[in-house]
Amino acid sequence: MALDAGFGKLDLSDPATPPEEIIKKFAAKESEFQEALNHYTYRRMARVQTVDDDTHKVDGEWYQVDDVTFDPTGRRMEKTVFAPESSLQRVMMSPSDLQDIQKGYPFVLTTEEIAQYNTKYVGRQKVDEVDCYVFDVGPKQIEKNKRYFLGRIWVDATDLQIVVTNGRMVPDDTRKGKEDLHPPFMTWRQQIDGHYWFPVYTKGEGVLHFSGGNGYMSQDVHIRDTIKYTDYKRFGSTIKIIYDGQDITKTGPQNGQQPGQPATPAQPKQQQQQQQPQKPQQ
């Protein structure tokens, strides 16, 4: 796992607080964040591209803009506002690709879900100016039709929320002729309302190694995923947002990052050689 500018030296010494207690506290804070996020609207712009490694040019693209909002009854919904025809030729979007874009890339590790994962304390490290605990995370077991995160997370040592996620979604389907592979990715969060860290940018990139089958030749496909999350706004005036047991509904801006908040952690230069969205056009 290569890290780039913005990440400080990894401190491998034992933390003052036992790792098990840190894990319990940040999972509880992630649960608070997930509940708060459920009361925000936002726009998600997702782009999946194939790249010709001979010319270094994009030779296919899927692009979609969705507004994550609420229907008149207050139920959560997604509305596609722009979706030009896909020009992908060497791969196609699969249901797991869409699931990763919707739920996997903005990974949240709540109290309800953490029992499904092995979580290992790695050390402390600064991401830009944010002091973070670092954990390696992976599923204890993989159940059918479920997606899991496998990789590393950086947790703000003060706010106890994830600020960077680096890894991949698993499992891949490696059956010949039915391969459904996914690239490694990295997601960055920013403080939006002064209390919670919201996903703002995901970059996924990798060379997917398709072995072929059913008449298809084996091939390597360079995939690049880019997802941006913007225009966060609280929904409704009767929603209560709870932070550390306090009602913070009326504090902080409705939209946008507060002045003086840490910048989005720097984007890594290299994430292109791991195997994994998409399967060959059938």
C-alpha atoms as a PDB file:
ATOM      1  CA  MET A   1       0.000   0.000   0.000  1.00  0.00           C
ATOM      2  CA  ALA A   2       1.708   3.167  -1.189  1.00  0.00           C
ATOM      3  CA  LEU A   3       1.007   6.453   0.530  1.00  0.00           C
ATOM      4  CA  ASP A   4       1.845   9.857  -0.911  1.00  0.00           C
ATOM      5  CA  ALA A   5       2.264  13.464   0.183  1.00  0.00           C
ATOM      6  CA  GLY A   6      -0.023  14.457   3.034  1.00  0.00           C
ATOM      7  CA  PHE A   7       0.716  11.410   5.146  1.00  0.00           C
ATOM      8  CA  GLY A   8       3.258  11.797   7.920  1.00  0.00           C
ATOM      9  CA  LYS A   9       5.537   9.208   9.461  1.00  0.00           C
ATOM     10  CA  LEU A  10       3.742   6.213  10.969  1.00  0.00           C
ATOM     11  CA  ASP A  11       4.182   6.042  14.761  1.00  0.00           C
ATOM     12  CA  LEU A  12       4.190   2.351  15.722  1.00  0.00           C
ATOM     13  CA  SER A  13       4.198   2.863  19.500  1.00  0.00           C
ATOM     14  CA  ASP A  14       1.297   1.668  21.622  1.00  0.00           C
ATOM     15  CA  PRO A  15      -1.480   4.250  22.099  1.00  0.00           C
ATOM     16  CA  ALA A  16      -2.260   5.689  25.537  1.00  0.00           C
ATOM     17  CA  THR A  17      -5.827   4.380  25.181  1.00  0.00           C
ATOM     18  CA  PRO A  18      -6.224   0.623  24.573  1.00  0.00           C
ATOM     19  CA  PRO A  19      -6.991  -0.069  20.881  1.00  0.00           C
ATOM     20  CA  GLU A  20     -10.148  -2.003  21.820  1.00  0.00           C
ATOM     21  CA  GLU A  21     -11.536   1.113  23.518  1.00  0.00           C
ATOM     22  CA  ILE A  22     -10.606   3.319  20.553  1.00  0.00           C
ATOM     23  CA  ILE A  23     -12.371   0.891  18.194  1.00  0.00           C
ATOM     24  CA  LYS A  24     -15.495   0.854  20.356  1.00  0.00           C
ATOM     25  CA  LYS A  25     -15.597   4.660  20.546  1.00  0.00           C
ATOM     26  CA  PHE A  26     -14.983   5.354  16.863  1.00  0.00           C
ATOM     27  CA  ALA A  27     -17.584   2.753  15.832  1.00  0.00           C
ATOM     28  CA  ALA A  28     -20.120   4.536  18.065  1.00  0.00           C
ATOM     29  CA  LYS A  29     -19.180   7.880  16.499  1.00  0.00           C
ATOM     30  CA  GLU A  30     -19.491   6.365  13.022  1.00  0.00           C
ATOM     31  CA  SER A  31     -23.003   5.241  13.970  1.00  0.00           C
ATOM     32  CA  GLU A  32     -23.795   8.834  14.950  1.00  0.00           C
ATOM     33  CA  PHE A  33     -22.383  10.021  11.631  1.00  0.00           C
ATOM     34  CA  GLN A  34     -24.433   7.493   9.642  1.00  0.00           C
ATOM     35  CA  GLU A  35     -27.600   8.666  11.378  1.00  0.00           C
ATOM     36  CA  ALA A  36     -26.710  12.303  10.652  1.00  0.00           C
ATOM     37  CA  LEU A  37     -25.897  11.514   7.014  1.00  0.00           C
ATOM     38  CA  ASN A  38     -29.356   9.980   6.653  1.00  0.00           C
ATOM     39  CA  HIS A  39     -30.737  13.497   7.185  1.00  0.00           C
ATOM     40  CA  TYR A  40     -28.622  15.194   4.512  1.00  0.00           C
ATOM     41  CA  THR A  41     -29.184  15.596   0.797  1.00  0.00           C
ATOM     42  CA  TYR A  42     -26.204  15.654  -1.552  1.00  0.00           C
ATOM     43  CA  ARG A  43     -25.134  15.172  -5.164  1.00  0.00           C
ATOM     44  CA  ARG A  44     -22.985  12.251  -6.315  1.00  0.00           C
ATOM     45  CA  MET A  45     -21.093  12.439  -9.611  1.00  0.00           C
ATOM     46  CA  ALA A  46     -19.672   9.057 -10.610  1.00  0.00           C
ATOM     47  CA  ARG A  47     -17.386   8.381 -13.568  1.00  0.00           C
ATOM     48  CA  VAL A  48     -15.964   5.014 -14.669  1.00  0.00           C
ATOM     49  CA  GLN A  49     -13.398   5.029 -17.477  1.00  0.00           C
ATOM     50  CA  THR A  50     -11.291   2.518 -19.357  1.00  0.00           C
ATOM     51  CA  VAL A  51      -7.813   3.651 -20.354  1.00  0.00           C
ATOM     52  CA  ASP A  52      -5.758   2.460 -23.314  1.00  0.00           C
ATOM     53  CA  ASP A  53      -2.324   1.825 -21.826  1.00  0.00           C
ATOM     54  CA  ASP A  54      -0.658   2.139 -25.235  1.00  0.00           C
ATOM     55  CA  THR A  55      -1.975   5.658 -25.913  1.00  0.00           C
ATOM     56  CA  HIS A  56      -2.737   6.610 -22.271  1.00  0.00           C
ATOM     57  CA  LYS A  57      -6.089   7.930 -23.486  1.00  0.00           C
ATOM     58  CA  VAL A  58      -9.608   7.193 -22.234  1.00  0.00           C
ATOM     59  CA  ASP A  59     -11.349   4.821 -24.657  1.00  0.00           C
ATOM     60  CA  GLY A  60     -14.667   4.361 -22.853  1.00  0.00           C
ATOM     61  CA  GLU A  61     -16.719   6.042 -20.159  1.00  0.00           C
ATOM     62  CA  TRP A  62     -19.791   5.585 -17.982  1.00  0.00           C
ATOM     63  CA  TYR A  63     -20.960   8.743 -16.228  1.00  0.00           C
ATOM     64  CA  GLN A  64     -23.929   9.386 -13.953  1.00  0.00           C
ATOM     65  CA  VAL A  65     -25.055  12.216 -11.680  1.00  0.00           C
ATOM     66  CA  ASP A  66     -27.494  11.377  -8.899  1.00  0.00           C
ATOM     67  CA  ASP A  67     -29.151  13.525  -6.271  1.00  0.00           C
ATOM     68  CA  VAL A  68     -29.511  11.654  -2.990  1.00  0.00           C
ATOM     69  CA  THR A  69     -32.588  13.231  -1.462  1.00  0.00           C
ATOM     70  CA  PHE A  70     -36.037  12.487  -0.011  1.00  0.00           C
ATOM     71  CA  ASP A  71     -39.482  11.886  -1.511  1.00  0.00           C
ATOM     72  CA  PRO A  72     -42.547  13.845  -0.287  1.00  0.00           C
ATOM     73  CA  THR A  73     -43.096  11.277   2.484  1.00  0.00           C
ATOM     74  CA  GLY A  74     -39.550  11.792   3.800  1.00  0.00           C
ATOM     75  CA  ARG A  75     -38.236   8.464   2.515  1.00  0.00           C
ATOM     76  CA  ARG A  76     -34.625   8.313   1.293  1.00  0.00           C
ATOM     77  CA  MET A  77     -34.307   8.154  -2.503  1.00  0.00           C
ATOM     78  CA  GLU A  78     -31.836   8.629  -5.339  1.00  0.00           C
ATOM     79  CA  LYS A  79     -32.787  10.610  -8.441  1.00  0.00           C
ATOM     80  CA  THR A  80     -30.653  10.386 -11.576  1.00  0.00           C
ATOM     81  CA  VAL A  81     -30.325  13.893 -13.039  1.00  0.00           C
ATOM     82  CA  PHE A  82     -27.813  13.196 -15.808  1.00  0.00           C
ATOM     83  CA  ALA A  83     -26.782   9.926 -17.433  1.00  0.00           C
ATOM     84  CA  PRO A  84     -25.439  10.067 -20.998  1.00  0.00           C
ATOM     85  CA  GLU A  85     -25.178   6.827 -22.933  1.00  0.00           C
ATOM     86  CA  SER A  86     -22.234   4.730 -21.817  1.00  0.00           C
ATOM     87  CA  SER A  87     -19.328   4.395 -24.243  1.00  0.00           C
ATOM     88  CA  LEU A  88     -17.704   1.497 -22.366  1.00  0.00           C
ATOM     89  CA  GLN A  89     -16.747  -1.264 -24.797  1.00  0.00           C
ATOM     90  CA  ARG A  90     -14.280  -3.543 -23.047  1.00  0.00           C
ATOM     91  CA  VAL A  91     -16.262  -3.868 -19.804  1.00  0.00           C
ATOM     92  CA  MET A  92     -19.800  -3.331 -18.576  1.00  0.00           C
ATOM     93  CA  MET A  93     -21.225  -1.999 -15.333  1.00  0.00           C
ATOM     94  CA  SER A  94     -22.421  -4.742 -12.997  1.00  0.00           C
ATOM     95  CA  PRO A  95     -24.817  -4.582 -10.012  1.00  0.00           C
ATOM     96  CA  SER A  96     -21.844  -4.844  -7.626  1.00  0.00           C
ATOM     97  CA  ASP A  97     -20.188  -1.840  -9.330  1.00  0.00           C
ATOM     98  CA  LEU A  98     -23.277   0.260  -8.656  1.00  0.00           C
ATOM     99  CA  GLN A  99     -23.489  -1.065  -5.088  1.00  0.00           C
ATOM    100  CA  ASP A 100     -19.857  -0.079  -4.478  1.00  0.00           C
ATOM    101  CA  ILE A 101     -20.492   3.441  -5.806  1.00  0.00           C
ATOM    102  CA  GLN A 102     -23.598   3.863  -3.667  1.00  0.00           C
ATOM    103  CA  LYS A 103     -22.456   2.249  -0.410  1.00  0.00           C
ATOM    104  CA  GLY A 104     -18.975   0.760  -0.621  1.00  0.00           C
ATOM    105  CA  TYR A 105     -16.749   3.684  -1.531  1.00  0.00           C
ATOM    106  CA  PRO A 106     -18.227   5.978   1.184  1.00  0.00           C
ATOM    107  CA  PHE A 107     -17.429   3.258   3.733  1.00  0.00           C
ATOM    108  CA  VAL A 108     -18.863   3.723   7.243  1.00  0.00           C
ATOM    109  CA  LEU A 109     -17.871   1.321  10.046  1.00  0.00           C
ATOM    110  CA  THR A 110     -20.661   1.516  12.614  1.00  0.00           C
ATOM    111  CA  THR A 111     -21.195  -0.276  15.918  1.00  0.00           C
ATOM    112  CA  GLU A 112     -23.758  -2.473  14.157  1.00  0.00           C
ATOM    113  CA  GLU A 113     -21.267  -3.575  11.483  1.00  0.00           C
ATOM    114  CA  ILE A 114     -17.929  -3.699  13.272  1.00  0.00           C
ATOM    115  CA  ALA A 115     -18.609  -7.177  14.672  1.00  0.00           C
ATOM    116  CA  GLN A 116     -18.364  -8.435  11.072  1.00  0.00           C
ATOM    117  CA  TYR A 117     -14.763  -7.194  10.779  1.00  0.00           C
ATOM    118  CA  ASN A 118     -11.326  -7.917  12.128  1.00  0.00           C
ATOM    119  CA  THR A 119      -9.885  -4.539  13.126  1.00  0.00           C
ATOM    120  CA  LYS A 120      -6.163  -4.291  13.903  1.00  0.00           C
ATOM    121  CA  TYR A 121      -4.465  -1.198  15.329  1.00  0.00           C
ATOM    122  CA  VAL A 122      -1.446  -0.206  13.186  1.00  0.00           C
ATOM    123  CA  GLY A 123      -0.244   3.084  14.702  1.00  0.00           C
ATOM    124  CA  ARG A 124      -0.698   6.856  14.577  1.00  0.00           C
ATOM    125  CA  GLN A 125      -0.131   9.044  11.558  1.00  0.00           C
ATOM    126  CA  LYS A 126      -0.866  12.575  10.437  1.00  0.00           C
ATOM    127  CA  VAL A 127      -3.019  13.070   7.345  1.00  0.00           C
ATOM    128  CA  ASP A 128      -2.168  16.643   6.399  1.00  0.00           C
ATOM    129  CA  GLU A 129      -2.568  18.301   9.828  1.00  0.00           C
ATOM    130  CA  VAL A 130      -5.046  15.757  11.212  1.00  0.00           C
ATOM    131  CA  ASP A 131      -3.682  13.370  13.842  1.00  0.00           C
ATOM    132  CA  CYS A 132      -5.118   9.915  13.142  1.00  0.00           C
ATOM    133  CA  TYR A 133      -5.250   6.396  14.484  1.00  0.00           C
ATOM    134  CA  VAL A 134      -4.589   3.845  11.725  1.00  0.00           C
ATOM    135  CA  PHE A 135      -6.357   0.485  11.506  1.00  0.00           C
ATOM    136  CA  ASP A 136      -6.274  -2.449   9.097  1.00  0.00           C
ATOM    137  CA  VAL A 137      -9.796  -3.744   8.492  1.00  0.00           C
ATOM    138  CA  GLY A 138     -11.098  -6.911   6.841  1.00  0.00           C
ATOM    139  CA  PRO A 139     -14.201  -9.127   6.971  1.00  0.00           C
ATOM    140  CA  LYS A 140     -14.197 -12.030   9.410  1.00  0.00           C
ATOM    141  CA  GLN A 141     -16.146 -14.091   6.897  1.00  0.00           C
ATOM    142  CA  ILE A 142     -17.845 -13.386   3.584  1.00  0.00           C
ATOM    143  CA  GLU A 143     -21.541 -14.112   3.240  1.00  0.00           C
ATOM    144  CA  LYS A 144     -23.208 -14.633  -0.128  1.00  0.00           C
ATOM    145  CA  ASN A 145     -24.506 -11.511  -1.909  1.00  0.00           C
ATOM    146  CA  LYS A 146     -22.810  -9.147   0.544  1.00  0.00           C
ATOM    147  CA  ARG A 147     -19.974  -6.686  -0.111  1.00  0.00           C
ATOM    148  CA  TYR A 148     -17.203  -5.939   2.388  1.00  0.00           C
ATOM    149  CA  PHE A 149     -14.327  -3.509   2.735  1.00  0.00           C
ATOM    150  CA  LEU A 150     -10.764  -4.813   2.917  1.00  0.00           C
ATOM    151  CA  GLY A 151      -7.957  -2.348   3.574  1.00  0.00           C
ATOM    152  CA  ARG A 152      -6.858   0.466   5.855  1.00  0.00           C
ATOM    153  CA  ILE A 153      -8.682   3.362   7.539  1.00  0.00           C
ATOM    154  CA  TRP A 154      -7.439   6.555   9.196  1.00  0.00           C
ATOM    155  CA  VAL A 155      -9.528   7.720  12.163  1.00  0.00           C
ATOM    156  CA  ASP A 156      -9.336  11.289  13.493  1.00  0.00           C
ATOM    157  CA  ALA A 157      -7.789  10.936  16.971  1.00  0.00           C
ATOM    158  CA  THR A 158      -9.977  13.768  18.288  1.00  0.00           C
ATOM    159  CA  ASP A 159     -13.326  13.337  16.503  1.00  0.00           C
ATOM    160  CA  LEU A 160     -12.983   9.522  16.263  1.00  0.00           C
ATOM    161  CA  GLN A 161     -14.373   9.376  12.724  1.00  0.00           C
ATOM    162  CA  ILE A 162     -12.905   7.927   9.550  1.00  0.00           C
ATOM    163  CA  VAL A 163     -11.164  10.580   7.420  1.00  0.00           C
ATOM    164  CA  VAL A 164      -9.485   8.364   4.809  1.00  0.00           C
ATOM    165  CA  THR A 165     -10.309   4.879   3.505  1.00  0.00           C
ATOM    166  CA  ASN A 166      -7.837   2.947   1.335  1.00  0.00           C
ATOM    167  CA  GLY A 167      -8.497  -0.564   0.055  1.00  0.00           C
ATOM    168  CA  ARG A 168     -10.993  -2.447  -2.063  1.00  0.00           C
ATOM    169  CA  MET A 169     -14.435  -3.972  -1.924  1.00  0.00           C
ATOM    170  CA  VAL A 170     -14.657  -7.765  -1.827  1.00  0.00           C
ATOM    171  CA  PRO A 171     -15.389 -10.389  -2.967  1.00  0.00           C
ATOM    172  CA  ASP A 172     -14.552 -10.486  -6.670  1.00  0.00           C
ATOM    173  CA  ASP A 173     -16.174 -13.069  -8.919  1.00  0.00           C
ATOM    174  CA  THR A 174     -13.277 -14.857 -10.628  1.00  0.00           C
ATOM    175  CA  ARG A 175     -15.253 -17.530 -12.510  1.00  0.00           C
ATOM    176  CA  LYS A 176     -14.244 -17.671 -16.172  1.00  0.00           C
ATOM    177  CA  GLY A 177     -16.766 -15.952 -18.403  1.00  0.00           C
ATOM    178  CA  LYS A 178     -18.492 -14.404 -15.377  1.00  0.00           C
ATOM    179  CA  GLU A 179     -15.636 -12.377 -13.928  1.00  0.00           C
ATOM    180  CA  ASP A 180     -16.666  -9.311 -11.971  1.00  0.00           C
ATOM    181  CA  LEU A 181     -13.541  -7.494 -10.805  1.00  0.00           C
ATOM    182  CA  HIS A 182     -13.055  -4.230  -8.934  1.00  0.00           C
ATOM    183  CA  PRO A 183     -10.125  -1.799  -8.571  1.00  0.00           C
ATOM    184  CA  PRO A 184      -8.543  -0.594  -5.336  1.00  0.00           C
ATOM    185  CA  PHE A 185      -9.821   2.806  -4.231  1.00  0.00           C
ATOM    186  CA  MET A 186      -9.224   5.639  -1.806  1.00  0.00           C
ATOM    187  CA  THR A 187     -11.932   7.860  -0.288  1.00  0.00           C
ATOM    188  CA  TRP A 188     -11.351  11.176   1.472  1.00  0.00           C
ATOM    189  CA  ARG A 189     -13.706  12.925   3.865  1.00  0.00           C
ATOM    190  CA  GLN A 190     -13.996  16.557   4.983  1.00  0.00           C
ATOM    191  CA  GLN A 191     -15.756  18.213   7.893  1.00  0.00           C
ATOM    192  CA  ILE A 192     -18.904  19.706   6.424  1.00  0.00           C
ATOM    193  CA  ASP A 193     -20.898  20.936   9.425  1.00  0.00           C
ATOM    194  CA  GLY A 194     -18.088  21.275  11.946  1.00  0.00           C
ATOM    195  CA  HIS A 195     -18.996  17.992  13.628  1.00  0.00           C
ATOM    196  CA  TYR A 196     -18.990  15.163  11.093  1.00  0.00           C
ATOM    197  CA  TRP A 197     -16.584  14.052   8.363  1.00  0.00           C
ATOM    198  CA  PHE A 198     -18.461  13.526   5.076  1.00  0.00           C
ATOM    199  CA  PRO A 199     -17.153  11.713   1.970  1.00  0.00           C
ATOM    200  CA  VAL A 200     -16.098  14.246  -0.670  1.00  0.00           C
ATOM    201  CA  TYR A 201     -13.915  12.358  -3.160  1.00  0.00           C
ATOM    202  CA  THR A 202     -13.134   8.806  -4.240  1.00  0.00           C
ATOM    203  CA  LYS A 203     -10.442   7.704  -6.672  1.00  0.00           C
ATOM    204  CA  GLY A 204     -10.217   4.089  -7.764  1.00  0.00           C
ATOM    205  CA  GLU A 205      -7.700   2.792 -10.273  1.00  0.00           C
ATOM    206  CA  GLY A 206      -6.256  -0.541 -11.275  1.00  0.00           C
ATOM    207  CA  VAL A 207      -5.511  -2.997 -14.058  1.00  0.00           C
ATOM    208  CA  LEU A 208      -8.109  -5.778 -14.035  1.00  0.00           C
ATOM    209  CA  HIS A 209      -6.895  -9.159 -15.262  1.00  0.00           C
ATOM    210  CA  PHE A 210      -9.711 -10.984 -17.070  1.00  0.00           C
ATOM    211  CA  SER A 211      -8.831 -14.579 -17.915  1.00  0.00           C
ATOM    212  CA  GLY A 212     -11.523 -14.907 -20.581  1.00  0.00           C
ATOM    213  CA  GLY A 213     -13.951 -17.773 -21.151  1.00  0.00           C
ATOM    214  CA  ASN A 214     -17.102 -18.427 -23.194  1.00  0.00           C
ATOM    215  CA  GLY A 215     -15.256 -17.458 -26.358  1.00  0.00           C
ATOM    216  CA  TYR A 216     -13.600 -14.354 -24.904  1.00  0.00           C
ATOM    217  CA  MET A 217      -9.853 -13.859 -24.965  1.00  0.00           C
ATOM    218  CA  SER A 218      -7.994 -12.994 -21.794  1.00  0.00           C
ATOM    219  CA  GLN A 219      -7.298  -9.301 -21.420  1.00  0.00           C
ATOM    220  CA  ASP A 220      -6.044  -6.653 -19.036  1.00  0.00           C
ATOM    221  CA  VAL A 221      -8.273  -3.615 -18.638  1.00  0.00           C
ATOM    222  CA  HIS A 222      -7.081  -0.397 -17.014  1.00  0.00           C
ATOM    223  CA  ILE A 223     -10.012   1.014 -15.010  1.00  0.00           C
ATOM    224  CA  ARG A 224     -10.325   4.449 -13.422  1.00  0.00           C
ATOM    225  CA  ASP A 225     -13.215   5.382 -11.077  1.00  0.00           C
ATOM    226  CA  THR A 226     -13.831   8.929  -9.862  1.00  0.00           C
ATOM    227  CA  ILE A 227     -16.689   9.862  -7.516  1.00  0.00           C
ATOM    228  CA  LYS A 228     -17.380  13.329  -6.137  1.00  0.00           C
ATOM    229  CA  TYR A 229     -19.884  14.104  -3.371  1.00  0.00           C
ATOM    230  CA  THR A 230     -21.066  17.724  -3.205  1.00  0.00           C
ATOM    231  CA  ASP A 231     -23.849  20.082  -2.058  1.00  0.00           C
ATOM    232  CA  TYR A 232     -24.459  18.568   1.375  1.00  0.00           C
ATOM    233  CA  LYS A 233     -27.567  20.122   2.928  1.00  0.00           C
ATOM    234  CA  ARG A 234     -29.636  19.222   5.942  1.00  0.00           C
ATOM    235  CA  PHE A 235     -33.132  18.104   5.062  1.00  0.00           C
ATOM    236  CA  GLY A 236     -36.120  19.688   6.776  1.00  0.00           C
ATOM    237  CA  SER A 237     -36.350  21.901   9.839  1.00  0.00           C
ATOM    238  CA  THR A 238     -37.636  19.278  12.288  1.00  0.00           C
ATOM    239  CA  ILE A 239     -34.692  16.883  11.996  1.00  0.00           C
ATOM    240  CA  LYS A 240     -32.471  16.635  15.061  1.00  0.00           C
ATOM    241  CA  ILE A 241     -28.760  15.977  14.596  1.00  0.00           C
ATOM    242  CA  ILE A 242     -27.148  14.501  17.716  1.00  0.00           C
ATOM    243  CA  TYR A 243     -23.381  14.780  18.334  1.00  0.00           C
ATOM    244  CA  ASP A 244     -21.839  13.435  21.555  1.00  0.00           C
ATOM    245  CA  GLY A 245     -25.316  13.317  23.057  1.00  0.00           C
ATOM    246  CA  GLN A 246     -26.021  16.998  22.281  1.00  0.00           C
ATOM    247  CA  ASP A 247     -28.577  18.401  19.831  1.00  0.00           C
ATOM    248  CA  ILE A 248     -26.470  20.304  17.257  1.00  0.00           C
ATOM    249  CA  THR A 249     -29.244  20.824  14.726  1.00  0.00           C
ATOM    250  CA  LYS A 250     -29.043  24.628  14.852  1.00  0.00           C
ATOM    251  CA  THR A 251     -25.257  24.892  14.912  1.00  0.00           C
ATOM    252  CA  GLY A 252     -22.916  25.057  11.940  1.00  0.00           C
ATOM    253  CA  PRO A 253     -23.681  25.912   8.314  1.00  0.00           C
ATOM    254  CA  GLN A 254     -26.290  24.127   6.261  1.00  0.00           C
ATOM    255  CA  ASN A 255     -23.859  23.498   3.439  1.00  0.00           C
ATOM    256  CA  GLY A 256     -20.145  23.622   2.735  1.00  0.00           C
ATOM    257  CA  GLN A 257     -17.005  23.295   4.806  1.00  0.00           C
ATOM    258  CA  GLN A 258     -16.397  25.598   7.723  1.00  0.00           C
ATOM    259  CA  PRO A 259     -13.515  28.070   7.395  1.00  0.00           C
ATOM    260  CA  GLY A 260     -10.328  26.797   8.969  1.00  0.00           C
ATOM    261  CA  GLN A 261     -11.239  23.104   8.751  1.00  0.00           C
ATOM    262  CA  PRO A 262      -8.459  20.739   7.594  1.00  0.00           C
ATOM    263  CA  ALA A 263      -8.111  20.347   3.840  1.00  0.00           C
ATOM    264  CA  THR A 264      -8.994  17.112   2.096  1.00  0.00           C
ATOM    265  CA  PRO A 265      -6.059  14.711   2.531  1.00  0.00           C
ATOM    266  CA  ALA A 266      -3.713  14.637  -0.449  1.00  0.00           C
ATOM    267  CA  GLN A 267      -4.467  12.213  -3.266  1.00  0.00           C
ATOM    268  CA  PRO A 268      -2.018   9.324  -3.746  1.00  0.00           C
ATOM    269  CA  LYS A 269      -0.075   9.159  -7.012  1.00  0.00           C
ATOM    270  CA  GLN A 270       0.041   5.394  -7.302  1.00  0.00           C
ATOM    271  CA  GLN A 271      -2.897   2.989  -7.091  1.00  0.00           C
ATOM    272  CA  GLN A 272      -2.668   1.246 -10.430  1.00  0.00           C
ATOM    273  CA  GLN A 273      -1.264  -2.234 -10.078  1.00  0.00           C
ATOM    274  CA  GLN A 274      -3.722  -4.142  -7.914  1.00  0.00           C
ATOM    275  CA  GLN A 275      -6.249  -6.517  -9.365  1.00  0.00           C
ATOM    276  CA  GLN A 276      -9.852  -6.038  -9.190  1.00  0.00           C
ATOM    277  CA  PRO A 277     -15.318  -2.900 -11.201  1.00  0.00           C
ATOM    278  CA  GLN A 278     -16.616  -4.521 -14.122  1.00  0.00           C
ATOM    279  CA  LYS A 279     -16.778  -7.636 -16.177  1.00  0.00           C
ATOM    280  CA  PRO A 280     -16.316  -8.291 -19.903  1.00  0.00           C
ATOM    281  CA  GLN A 281     -19.148  -7.287 -22.231  1.00  0.00           C
ATOM    282  CA  GLN A 282     -21.312 -10.334 -22.700  1.00  0.00           C
END
